[in-house]
Amino acid sequence: RGVRVYFEVNPGPYGASESSFIGETLTRLGVKNIIPAHLG
């Protein structure tokens, strides 16, 4: 819990931010997403 995570959706690279449904899942897991919500 509390570790910082980067989730890559596709090469590009495209990542999943805090505002994505994947980001919601990471939040429910109690970890920190490195991509802030304001990036989309």
PDB file of all heavy atoms in Angstrom:
ATOM      1  N   ARG A   1       0.834  -1.196   0.000  1.00  0.00           N
ATOM      2  CA  ARG A   1       0.000   0.000   0.000  1.00  0.00           C
ATOM      3  C   ARG A   1       0.877   1.257   0.000  1.00  0.00           C
ATOM      4  O   ARG A   1       1.894   1.331   0.666  1.00  0.00           O
ATOM      5  CB  ARG A   1      -0.949   0.007   1.206  1.00  0.00           C
ATOM      6  CG  ARG A   1      -1.878  -1.203   1.200  1.00  0.00           C
ATOM      7  CD  ARG A   1      -2.914  -1.149   2.307  1.00  0.00           C
ATOM      8  NE  ARG A   1      -3.710  -2.377   2.323  1.00  0.00           N
ATOM      9  CZ  ARG A   1      -4.751  -2.600   1.540  1.00  0.00           C
ATOM     10  NH1 ARG A   1      -5.120  -1.662   0.685  1.00  0.00           N
ATOM     11  NH2 ARG A   1      -5.419  -3.732   1.616  1.00  0.00           N
ATOM     12  N   GLY A   2       0.437   2.220  -0.784  1.00  0.00           N
ATOM     13  CA  GLY A   2       1.161   3.483  -0.857  1.00  0.00           C
ATOM     14  C   GLY A   2       2.266   3.521  -1.892  1.00  0.00           C
ATOM     15  O   GLY A   2       2.895   4.573  -2.087  1.00  0.00           O
ATOM     16  N   VAL A   3       2.551   2.397  -2.570  1.00  0.00           N
ATOM     17  CA  VAL A   3       3.591   2.427  -3.593  1.00  0.00           C
ATOM     18  C   VAL A   3       3.116   3.256  -4.787  1.00  0.00           C
ATOM     19  O   VAL A   3       1.921   3.436  -5.016  1.00  0.00           O
ATOM     20  CB  VAL A   3       3.984   1.001  -4.058  1.00  0.00           C
ATOM     21  CG1 VAL A   3       4.504   0.188  -2.899  1.00  0.00           C
ATOM     22  CG2 VAL A   3       2.825   0.303  -4.737  1.00  0.00           C
ATOM     23  N   ARG A   4       4.066   3.765  -5.543  1.00  0.00           N
ATOM     24  CA  ARG A   4       3.778   4.636  -6.685  1.00  0.00           C
ATOM     25  C   ARG A   4       3.802   3.777  -7.951  1.00  0.00           C
ATOM     26  O   ARG A   4       4.775   3.090  -8.234  1.00  0.00           O
ATOM     27  CB  ARG A   4       4.789   5.767  -6.728  1.00  0.00           C
ATOM     28  CG  ARG A   4       4.751   6.601  -5.441  1.00  0.00           C
ATOM     29  CD  ARG A   4       5.903   7.581  -5.326  1.00  0.00           C
ATOM     30  NE  ARG A   4       5.823   8.604  -6.368  1.00  0.00           N
ATOM     31  CZ  ARG A   4       6.586   8.646  -7.447  1.00  0.00           C
ATOM     32  NH1 ARG A   4       7.512   7.689  -7.646  1.00  0.00           N
ATOM     33  NH2 ARG A   4       6.455   9.599  -8.337  1.00  0.00           N
ATOM     34  N   VAL A   5       2.711   3.864  -8.729  1.00  0.00           N
ATOM     35  CA  VAL A   5       2.492   2.955  -9.849  1.00  0.00           C
ATOM     36  C   VAL A   5       2.341   3.724 -11.157  1.00  0.00           C
ATOM     37  O   VAL A   5       1.705   4.782 -11.207  1.00  0.00           O
ATOM     38  CB  VAL A   5       1.224   2.093  -9.606  1.00  0.00           C
ATOM     39  CG1 VAL A   5       0.926   1.209 -10.814  1.00  0.00           C
ATOM     40  CG2 VAL A   5       1.387   1.252  -8.342  1.00  0.00           C
ATOM     41  N   TYR A   6       2.939   3.169 -12.200  1.00  0.00           N
ATOM     42  CA  TYR A   6       2.686   3.645 -13.571  1.00  0.00           C
ATOM     43  C   TYR A   6       1.998   2.519 -14.334  1.00  0.00           C
ATOM     44  O   TYR A   6       2.530   1.411 -14.430  1.00  0.00           O
ATOM     45  CB  TYR A   6       3.996   4.033 -14.272  1.00  0.00           C
ATOM     46  CG  TYR A   6       3.830   4.231 -15.768  1.00  0.00           C
ATOM     47  CD1 TYR A   6       2.992   5.223 -16.259  1.00  0.00           C
ATOM     48  CD2 TYR A   6       4.504   3.421 -16.684  1.00  0.00           C
ATOM     49  CE1 TYR A   6       2.828   5.403 -17.631  1.00  0.00           C
ATOM     50  CE2 TYR A   6       4.353   3.596 -18.049  1.00  0.00           C
ATOM     51  CZ  TYR A   6       3.506   4.589 -18.519  1.00  0.00           C
ATOM     52  OH  TYR A   6       3.340   4.759 -19.871  1.00  0.00           O
ATOM     53  N   PHE A   7       0.815   2.809 -14.884  1.00  0.00           N
ATOM     54  CA  PHE A   7       0.077   1.833 -15.678  1.00  0.00           C
ATOM     55  C   PHE A   7       0.048   2.325 -17.116  1.00  0.00           C
ATOM     56  O   PHE A   7      -0.516   3.367 -17.418  1.00  0.00           O
ATOM     57  CB  PHE A   7      -1.357   1.671 -15.149  1.00  0.00           C
ATOM     58  CG  PHE A   7      -2.101   0.524 -15.791  1.00  0.00           C
ATOM     59  CD1 PHE A   7      -2.349  -0.642 -15.080  1.00  0.00           C
ATOM     60  CD2 PHE A   7      -2.544   0.610 -17.101  1.00  0.00           C
ATOM     61  CE1 PHE A   7      -3.030  -1.703 -15.668  1.00  0.00           C
ATOM     62  CE2 PHE A   7      -3.225  -0.447 -17.698  1.00  0.00           C
ATOM     63  CZ  PHE A   7      -3.461  -1.604 -16.982  1.00  0.00           C
ATOM     64  N   GLU A   8       0.675   1.547 -18.012  1.00  0.00           N
ATOM     65  CA  GLU A   8       0.707   1.909 -19.431  1.00  0.00           C
ATOM     66  C   GLU A   8      -0.407   1.178 -20.182  1.00  0.00           C
ATOM     67  O   GLU A   8      -0.484  -0.053 -20.145  1.00  0.00           O
ATOM     68  CB  GLU A   8       2.061   1.580 -20.046  1.00  0.00           C
ATOM     69  CG  GLU A   8       2.171   2.006 -21.515  1.00  0.00           C
ATOM     70  CD  GLU A   8       3.604   2.126 -21.975  1.00  0.00           C
ATOM     71  OE1 GLU A   8       4.394   2.842 -21.293  1.00  0.00           O
ATOM     72  OE2 GLU A   8       3.949   1.512 -22.996  1.00  0.00           O
ATOM     73  N   VAL A   9      -1.246   1.937 -20.867  1.00  0.00           N
ATOM     74  CA  VAL A   9      -2.379   1.365 -21.584  1.00  0.00           C
ATOM     75  C   VAL A   9      -1.952   0.874 -22.964  1.00  0.00           C
ATOM     76  O   VAL A   9      -2.355  -0.206 -23.406  1.00  0.00           O
ATOM     77  CB  VAL A   9      -3.513   2.402 -21.712  1.00  0.00           C
ATOM     78  CG1 VAL A   9      -4.680   1.841 -22.517  1.00  0.00           C
ATOM     79  CG2 VAL A   9      -3.982   2.847 -20.337  1.00  0.00           C
ATOM     80  N   ASN A  10      -1.145   1.683 -23.652  1.00  0.00           N
ATOM     81  CA  ASN A  10      -0.696   1.355 -25.004  1.00  0.00           C
ATOM     82  C   ASN A  10       0.677   1.963 -25.236  1.00  0.00           C
ATOM     83  O   ASN A  10       1.043   2.966 -24.598  1.00  0.00           O
ATOM     84  CB  ASN A  10      -1.673   1.926 -26.053  1.00  0.00           C
ATOM     85  CG  ASN A  10      -2.752   0.928 -26.433  1.00  0.00           C
ATOM     86  OD1 ASN A  10      -2.473  -0.259 -26.592  1.00  0.00           O
ATOM     87  ND2 ASN A  10      -3.977   1.402 -26.562  1.00  0.00           N
ATOM     88  N   PRO A  11       1.459   1.383 -26.175  1.00  0.00           N
ATOM     89  CA  PRO A  11       2.718   2.037 -26.550  1.00  0.00           C
ATOM     90  C   PRO A  11       2.402   3.436 -27.055  1.00  0.00           C
ATOM     91  O   PRO A  11       1.353   3.696 -27.616  1.00  0.00           O
ATOM     92  CB  PRO A  11       3.266   1.136 -27.664  1.00  0.00           C
ATOM     93  CG  PRO A  11       2.584  -0.170 -27.490  1.00  0.00           C
ATOM     94  CD  PRO A  11       1.227   0.143 -26.936  1.00  0.00           C
ATOM     95  N   GLY A  12       3.320   4.328 -26.874  1.00  0.00           N
ATOM     96  CA  GLY A  12       3.098   5.724 -27.281  1.00  0.00           C
ATOM     97  C   GLY A  12       4.062   6.666 -26.570  1.00  0.00           C
ATOM     98  O   GLY A  12       4.738   7.447 -27.203  1.00  0.00           O
ATOM     99  N   PRO A  13       4.188   6.566 -25.213  1.00  0.00           N
ATOM    100  CA  PRO A  13       3.325   5.736 -24.359  1.00  0.00           C
ATOM    101  C   PRO A  13       2.055   6.488 -23.926  1.00  0.00           C
ATOM    102  O   PRO A  13       2.068   7.700 -23.726  1.00  0.00           O
ATOM    103  CB  PRO A  13       4.206   5.455 -23.152  1.00  0.00           C
ATOM    104  CG  PRO A  13       5.112   6.655 -23.056  1.00  0.00           C
ATOM    105  CD  PRO A  13       5.332   7.136 -24.468  1.00  0.00           C
ATOM    106  N   TYR A  14       0.957   5.745 -23.802  1.00  0.00           N
ATOM    107  CA  TYR A  14      -0.284   6.261 -23.245  1.00  0.00           C
ATOM    108  C   TYR A  14      -0.461   5.629 -21.868  1.00  0.00           C
ATOM    109  O   TYR A  14      -0.424   4.402 -21.730  1.00  0.00           O
ATOM    110  CB  TYR A  14      -1.484   5.902 -24.116  1.00  0.00           C
ATOM    111  CG  TYR A  14      -1.507   6.618 -25.444  1.00  0.00           C
ATOM    112  CD1 TYR A  14      -0.903   6.052 -26.562  1.00  0.00           C
ATOM    113  CD2 TYR A  14      -2.140   7.847 -25.579  1.00  0.00           C
ATOM    114  CE1 TYR A  14      -0.927   6.701 -27.791  1.00  0.00           C
ATOM    115  CE2 TYR A  14      -2.176   8.510 -26.809  1.00  0.00           C
ATOM    116  CZ  TYR A  14      -1.559   7.925 -27.904  1.00  0.00           C
ATOM    117  OH  TYR A  14      -1.584   8.568 -29.125  1.00  0.00           O
ATOM    118  N   GLY A  15      -0.671   6.477 -20.862  1.00  0.00           N
ATOM    119  CA  GLY A  15      -0.836   5.971 -19.504  1.00  0.00           C
ATOM    120  C   GLY A  15      -2.239   6.200 -18.980  1.00  0.00           C
ATOM    121  O   GLY A  15      -3.007   7.000 -19.517  1.00  0.00           O
ATOM    122  N   ALA A  16      -2.583   5.484 -17.909  1.00  0.00           N
ATOM    123  CA  ALA A  16      -3.879   5.646 -17.243  1.00  0.00           C
ATOM    124  C   ALA A  16      -3.695   6.585 -16.061  1.00  0.00           C
ATOM    125  O   ALA A  16      -2.921   6.295 -15.147  1.00  0.00           O
ATOM    126  CB  ALA A  16      -4.399   4.293 -16.773  1.00  0.00           C
ATOM    127  N   SER A  17      -4.406   7.703 -16.075  1.00  0.00           N
ATOM    128  CA  SER A  17      -4.253   8.692 -15.009  1.00  0.00           C
ATOM    129  C   SER A  17      -5.204   8.420 -13.856  1.00  0.00           C
ATOM    130  O   SER A  17      -6.011   7.489 -13.885  1.00  0.00           O
ATOM    131  CB  SER A  17      -4.517  10.104 -15.557  1.00  0.00           C
ATOM    132  OG  SER A  17      -5.910  10.373 -15.575  1.00  0.00           O
ATOM    133  N   GLU A  18      -5.125   9.264 -12.843  1.00  0.00           N
ATOM    134  CA  GLU A  18      -5.998   9.146 -11.675  1.00  0.00           C
ATOM    135  C   GLU A  18      -7.475   9.259 -12.045  1.00  0.00           C
ATOM    136  O   GLU A  18      -8.335   8.708 -11.359  1.00  0.00           O
ATOM    137  CB  GLU A  18      -5.657  10.231 -10.649  1.00  0.00           C
ATOM    138  CG  GLU A  18      -4.288  10.091 -10.018  1.00  0.00           C
ATOM    139  CD  GLU A  18      -3.931  11.284  -9.161  1.00  0.00           C
ATOM    140  OE1 GLU A  18      -4.234  12.432  -9.564  1.00  0.00           O
ATOM    141  OE2 GLU A  18      -3.347  11.077  -8.076  1.00  0.00           O
ATOM    142  N   SER A  19      -7.782   9.987 -13.135  1.00  0.00           N
ATOM    143  CA  SER A  19      -9.186  10.208 -13.497  1.00  0.00           C
ATOM    144  C   SER A  19      -9.771   9.094 -14.354  1.00  0.00           C
ATOM    145  O   SER A  19     -10.961   9.118 -14.658  1.00  0.00           O
ATOM    146  CB  SER A  19      -9.325  11.545 -14.249  1.00  0.00           C
ATOM    147  OG  SER A  19      -8.647  11.509 -15.499  1.00  0.00           O
ATOM    148  N   SER A  20      -8.978   8.117 -14.756  1.00  0.00           N
ATOM    149  CA  SER A  20      -9.474   7.006 -15.565  1.00  0.00           C
ATOM    150  C   SER A  20     -10.095   5.938 -14.667  1.00  0.00           C
ATOM    151  O   SER A  20      -9.874   5.916 -13.458  1.00  0.00           O
ATOM    152  CB  SER A  20      -8.337   6.387 -16.378  1.00  0.00           C
ATOM    153  OG  SER A  20      -7.420   5.721 -15.526  1.00  0.00           O
ATOM    154  N   PHE A  21     -10.853   5.028 -15.265  1.00  0.00           N
ATOM    155  CA  PHE A  21     -11.420   3.941 -14.470  1.00  0.00           C
ATOM    156  C   PHE A  21     -10.315   3.039 -13.938  1.00  0.00           C
ATOM    157  O   PHE A  21     -10.434   2.459 -12.852  1.00  0.00           O
ATOM    158  CB  PHE A  21     -12.440   3.142 -15.286  1.00  0.00           C
ATOM    159  CG  PHE A  21     -11.845   2.308 -16.390  1.00  0.00           C
ATOM    160  CD1 PHE A  21     -11.498   0.986 -16.175  1.00  0.00           C
ATOM    161  CD2 PHE A  21     -11.620   2.855 -17.646  1.00  0.00           C
ATOM    162  CE1 PHE A  21     -10.948   0.218 -17.197  1.00  0.00           C
ATOM    163  CE2 PHE A  21     -11.077   2.100 -18.665  1.00  0.00           C
ATOM    164  CZ  PHE A  21     -10.729   0.779 -18.446  1.00  0.00           C
ATOM    165  N   ILE A  22      -9.205   2.915 -14.675  1.00  0.00           N
ATOM    166  CA  ILE A  22      -8.056   2.157 -14.177  1.00  0.00           C
ATOM    167  C   ILE A  22      -7.451   2.875 -12.973  1.00  0.00           C
ATOM    168  O   ILE A  22      -7.069   2.256 -11.975  1.00  0.00           O
ATOM    169  CB  ILE A  22      -7.008   1.964 -15.292  1.00  0.00           C
ATOM    170  CG1 ILE A  22      -7.586   1.085 -16.399  1.00  0.00           C
ATOM    171  CG2 ILE A  22      -5.717   1.348 -14.740  1.00  0.00           C
ATOM    172  CD1 ILE A  22      -6.716   1.003 -17.638  1.00  0.00           C
ATOM    173  N   GLY A  23      -7.381   4.203 -13.065  1.00  0.00           N
ATOM    174  CA  GLY A  23      -6.903   4.993 -11.931  1.00  0.00           C
ATOM    175  C   GLY A  23      -7.787   4.832 -10.712  1.00  0.00           C
ATOM    176  O   GLY A  23      -7.293   4.775  -9.576  1.00  0.00           O
ATOM    177  N   GLU A  24      -9.101   4.740 -10.932  1.00  0.00           N
ATOM    178  CA  GLU A  24     -10.022   4.492  -9.819  1.00  0.00           C
ATOM    179  C   GLU A  24      -9.701   3.160  -9.145  1.00  0.00           C
ATOM    180  O   GLU A  24      -9.756   3.044  -7.912  1.00  0.00           O
ATOM    181  CB  GLU A  24     -11.461   4.479 -10.315  1.00  0.00           C
ATOM    182  CG  GLU A  24     -12.033   5.834 -10.679  1.00  0.00           C
ATOM    183  CD  GLU A  24     -13.497   5.714 -11.056  1.00  0.00           C
ATOM    184  OE1 GLU A  24     -14.351   5.752 -10.154  1.00  0.00           O
ATOM    185  OE2 GLU A  24     -13.793   5.563 -12.256  1.00  0.00           O
ATOM    186  N   THR A  25      -9.400   2.159  -9.961  1.00  0.00           N
ATOM    187  CA  THR A  25      -9.071   0.843  -9.395  1.00  0.00           C
ATOM    188  C   THR A  25      -7.802   0.928  -8.565  1.00  0.00           C
ATOM    189  O   THR A  25      -7.726   0.366  -7.461  1.00  0.00           O
ATOM    190  CB  THR A  25      -8.912  -0.195 -10.518  1.00  0.00           C
ATOM    191  OG1 THR A  25     -10.108  -0.259 -11.291  1.00  0.00           O
ATOM    192  CG2 THR A  25      -8.616  -1.570  -9.948  1.00  0.00           C
ATOM    193  N   LEU A  26      -6.798   1.618  -9.074  1.00  0.00           N
ATOM    194  CA  LEU A  26      -5.548   1.769  -8.318  1.00  0.00           C
ATOM    195  C   LEU A  26      -5.802   2.482  -6.993  1.00  0.00           C
ATOM    196  O   LEU A  26      -5.218   2.127  -5.957  1.00  0.00           O
ATOM    197  CB  LEU A  26      -4.526   2.539  -9.159  1.00  0.00           C
ATOM    198  CG  LEU A  26      -3.963   1.798 -10.380  1.00  0.00           C
ATOM    199  CD1 LEU A  26      -3.118   2.739 -11.234  1.00  0.00           C
ATOM    200  CD2 LEU A  26      -3.131   0.586  -9.947  1.00  0.00           C
ATOM    201  N   THR A  27      -6.687   3.479  -7.011  1.00  0.00           N
ATOM    202  CA  THR A  27      -7.025   4.183  -5.781  1.00  0.00           C
ATOM    203  C   THR A  27      -7.687   3.245  -4.783  1.00  0.00           C
ATOM    204  O   THR A  27      -7.379   3.263  -3.586  1.00  0.00           O
ATOM    205  CB  THR A  27      -7.954   5.369  -6.079  1.00  0.00           C
ATOM    206  OG1 THR A  27      -7.268   6.317  -6.919  1.00  0.00           O
ATOM    207  CG2 THR A  27      -8.393   6.067  -4.800  1.00  0.00           C
ATOM    208  N   ARG A  28      -8.584   2.386  -5.276  1.00  0.00           N
ATOM    209  CA  ARG A  28      -9.242   1.431  -4.384  1.00  0.00           C
ATOM    210  C   ARG A  28      -8.247   0.432  -3.812  1.00  0.00           C
ATOM    211  O   ARG A  28      -8.453  -0.101  -2.713  1.00  0.00           O
ATOM    212  CB  ARG A  28     -10.367   0.704  -5.124  1.00  0.00           C
ATOM    213  CG  ARG A  28     -11.552   1.590  -5.430  1.00  0.00           C
ATOM    214  CD  ARG A  28     -12.739   0.810  -5.967  1.00  0.00           C
ATOM    215  NE  ARG A  28     -13.363  -0.050  -4.964  1.00  0.00           N
ATOM    216  CZ  ARG A  28     -14.506  -0.702  -5.143  1.00  0.00           C
ATOM    217  NH1 ARG A  28     -15.159  -0.583  -6.294  1.00  0.00           N
ATOM    218  NH2 ARG A  28     -15.014  -1.469  -4.188  1.00  0.00           N
ATOM    219  N   LEU A  29      -7.160   0.188  -4.540  1.00  0.00           N
ATOM    220  CA  LEU A  29      -6.124  -0.701  -4.042  1.00  0.00           C
ATOM    221  C   LEU A  29      -5.195  -0.010  -3.039  1.00  0.00           C
ATOM    222  O   LEU A  29      -4.346  -0.660  -2.431  1.00  0.00           O
ATOM    223  CB  LEU A  29      -5.303  -1.251  -5.213  1.00  0.00           C
ATOM    224  CG  LEU A  29      -6.007  -2.293  -6.084  1.00  0.00           C
ATOM    225  CD1 LEU A  29      -5.203  -2.557  -7.358  1.00  0.00           C
ATOM    226  CD2 LEU A  29      -6.222  -3.593  -5.313  1.00  0.00           C
ATOM    227  N   GLY A  30      -5.347   1.292  -2.887  1.00  0.00           N
ATOM    228  CA  GLY A  30      -4.553   2.008  -1.900  1.00  0.00           C
ATOM    229  C   GLY A  30      -3.156   2.359  -2.349  1.00  0.00           C
ATOM    230  O   GLY A  30      -2.263   2.571  -1.520  1.00  0.00           O
ATOM    231  N   VAL A  31      -2.939   2.448  -3.685  1.00  0.00           N
ATOM    232  CA  VAL A  31      -1.619   2.818  -4.194  1.00  0.00           C
ATOM    233  C   VAL A  31      -1.704   4.189  -4.863  1.00  0.00           C
ATOM    234  O   VAL A  31      -2.785   4.725  -5.089  1.00  0.00           O
ATOM    235  CB  VAL A  31      -1.079   1.758  -5.177  1.00  0.00           C
ATOM    236  CG1 VAL A  31      -0.900   0.436  -4.471  1.00  0.00           C
ATOM    237  CG2 VAL A  31      -1.985   1.607  -6.387  1.00  0.00           C
ATOM    238  N   LYS A  32      -0.563   4.752  -5.209  1.00  0.00           N
ATOM    239  CA  LYS A  32      -0.482   6.097  -5.757  1.00  0.00           C
ATOM    240  C   LYS A  32      -0.204   6.029  -7.255  1.00  0.00           C
ATOM    241  O   LYS A  32       0.766   5.400  -7.689  1.00  0.00           O
ATOM    242  CB  LYS A  32       0.632   6.881  -5.041  1.00  0.00           C
ATOM    243  CG  LYS A  32       0.913   8.247  -5.633  1.00  0.00           C
ATOM    244  CD  LYS A  32      -0.272   9.196  -5.470  1.00  0.00           C
ATOM    245  CE  LYS A  32       0.068  10.582  -6.008  1.00  0.00           C
ATOM    246  NZ  LYS A  32      -1.125  11.473  -5.993  1.00  0.00           N
ATOM    247  N   ASN A  33      -1.038   6.680  -8.028  1.00  0.00           N
ATOM    248  CA  ASN A  33      -0.843   6.770  -9.476  1.00  0.00           C
ATOM    249  C   ASN A  33       0.080   7.945  -9.780  1.00  0.00           C
ATOM    250  O   ASN A  33      -0.155   9.063  -9.304  1.00  0.00           O
ATOM    251  CB  ASN A  33      -2.212   6.980 -10.147  1.00  0.00           C
ATOM    252  CG  ASN A  33      -2.181   6.804 -11.653  1.00  0.00           C
ATOM    253  OD1 ASN A  33      -1.163   7.026 -12.292  1.00  0.00           O
ATOM    254  ND2 ASN A  33      -3.305   6.419 -12.214  1.00  0.00           N
ATOM    255  N   ILE A  34       1.115   7.734 -10.572  1.00  0.00           N
ATOM    256  CA  ILE A  34       2.057   8.819 -10.852  1.00  0.00           C
ATOM    257  C   ILE A  34       1.510   9.824 -11.856  1.00  0.00           C
ATOM    258  O   ILE A  34       2.076  10.908 -12.027  1.00  0.00           O
ATOM    259  CB  ILE A  34       3.413   8.282 -11.372  1.00  0.00           C
ATOM    260  CG1 ILE A  34       3.246   7.655 -12.768  1.00  0.00           C
ATOM    261  CG2 ILE A  34       4.043   7.324 -10.371  1.00  0.00           C
ATOM    262  CD1 ILE A  34       4.551   7.486 -13.518  1.00  0.00           C
ATOM    263  N   ILE A  35       0.384   9.493 -12.545  1.00  0.00           N
ATOM    264  CA  ILE A  35      -0.151  10.397 -13.567  1.00  0.00           C
ATOM    265  C   ILE A  35      -1.333  11.155 -12.979  1.00  0.00           C
ATOM    266  O   ILE A  35      -2.361  10.557 -12.649  1.00  0.00           O
ATOM    267  CB  ILE A  35      -0.604   9.630 -14.823  1.00  0.00           C
ATOM    268  CG1 ILE A  35       0.524   8.741 -15.332  1.00  0.00           C
ATOM    269  CG2 ILE A  35      -1.049  10.600 -15.909  1.00  0.00           C
ATOM    270  CD1 ILE A  35       0.127   7.871 -16.511  1.00  0.00           C
ATOM    271  N   PRO A  36      -1.228  12.481 -12.829  1.00  0.00           N
ATOM    272  CA  PRO A  36      -2.306  13.256 -12.197  1.00  0.00           C
ATOM    273  C   PRO A  36      -3.551  13.329 -13.073  1.00  0.00           C
ATOM    274  O   PRO A  36      -3.497  13.209 -14.300  1.00  0.00           O
ATOM    275  CB  PRO A  36      -1.674  14.638 -12.011  1.00  0.00           C
ATOM    276  CG  PRO A  36      -0.600  14.712 -13.039  1.00  0.00           C
ATOM    277  CD  PRO A  36      -0.074  13.316 -13.198  1.00  0.00           C
ATOM    278  N   ALA A  37      -4.685  13.567 -12.422  1.00  0.00           N
ATOM    279  CA  ALA A  37      -5.973  13.579 -13.111  1.00  0.00           C
ATOM    280  C   ALA A  37      -6.075  14.678 -14.156  1.00  0.00           C
ATOM    281  O   ALA A  37      -6.739  14.513 -15.184  1.00  0.00           O
ATOM    282  CB  ALA A  37      -7.092  13.725 -12.082  1.00  0.00           C
ATOM    283  N   HIS A  38      -5.404  15.820 -13.917  1.00  0.00           N
ATOM    284  CA  HIS A  38      -5.582  16.969 -14.818  1.00  0.00           C
ATOM    285  C   HIS A  38      -5.028  16.720 -16.224  1.00  0.00           C
ATOM    286  O   HIS A  38      -5.328  17.486 -17.151  1.00  0.00           O
ATOM    287  CB  HIS A  38      -4.961  18.229 -14.212  1.00  0.00           C
ATOM    288  CG  HIS A  38      -3.460  18.220 -14.143  1.00  0.00           C
ATOM    289  ND1 HIS A  38      -2.652  18.512 -15.221  1.00  0.00           N
ATOM    290  CD2 HIS A  38      -2.628  17.959 -13.105  1.00  0.00           C
ATOM    291  CE1 HIS A  38      -1.387  18.435 -14.859  1.00  0.00           C
ATOM    292  NE2 HIS A  38      -1.336  18.096 -13.582  1.00  0.00           N
ATOM    293  N   LEU A  39      -4.260  15.652 -16.415  1.00  0.00           N
ATOM    294  CA  LEU A  39      -3.748  15.334 -17.748  1.00  0.00           C
ATOM    295  C   LEU A  39      -4.784  14.626 -18.612  1.00  0.00           C
ATOM    296  O   LEU A  39      -4.546  14.380 -19.793  1.00  0.00           O
ATOM    297  CB  LEU A  39      -2.485  14.474 -17.641  1.00  0.00           C
ATOM    298  CG  LEU A  39      -1.248  15.145 -17.030  1.00  0.00           C
ATOM    299  CD1 LEU A  39      -0.064  14.174 -17.024  1.00  0.00           C
ATOM    300  CD2 LEU A  39      -0.888  16.417 -17.792  1.00  0.00           C
ATOM    301  N   GLY A  40      -5.937  14.310 -18.040  1.00  0.00           N
ATOM    302  CA  GLY A  40      -6.953  13.560 -18.777  1.00  0.00           C
ATOM    303  C   GLY A  40      -6.858  12.085 -18.458  1.00  0.00           C
ATOM    304  O   GLY A  40      -5.857  11.609 -17.912  1.00  0.00           O
TER     305      GLY A  40
END
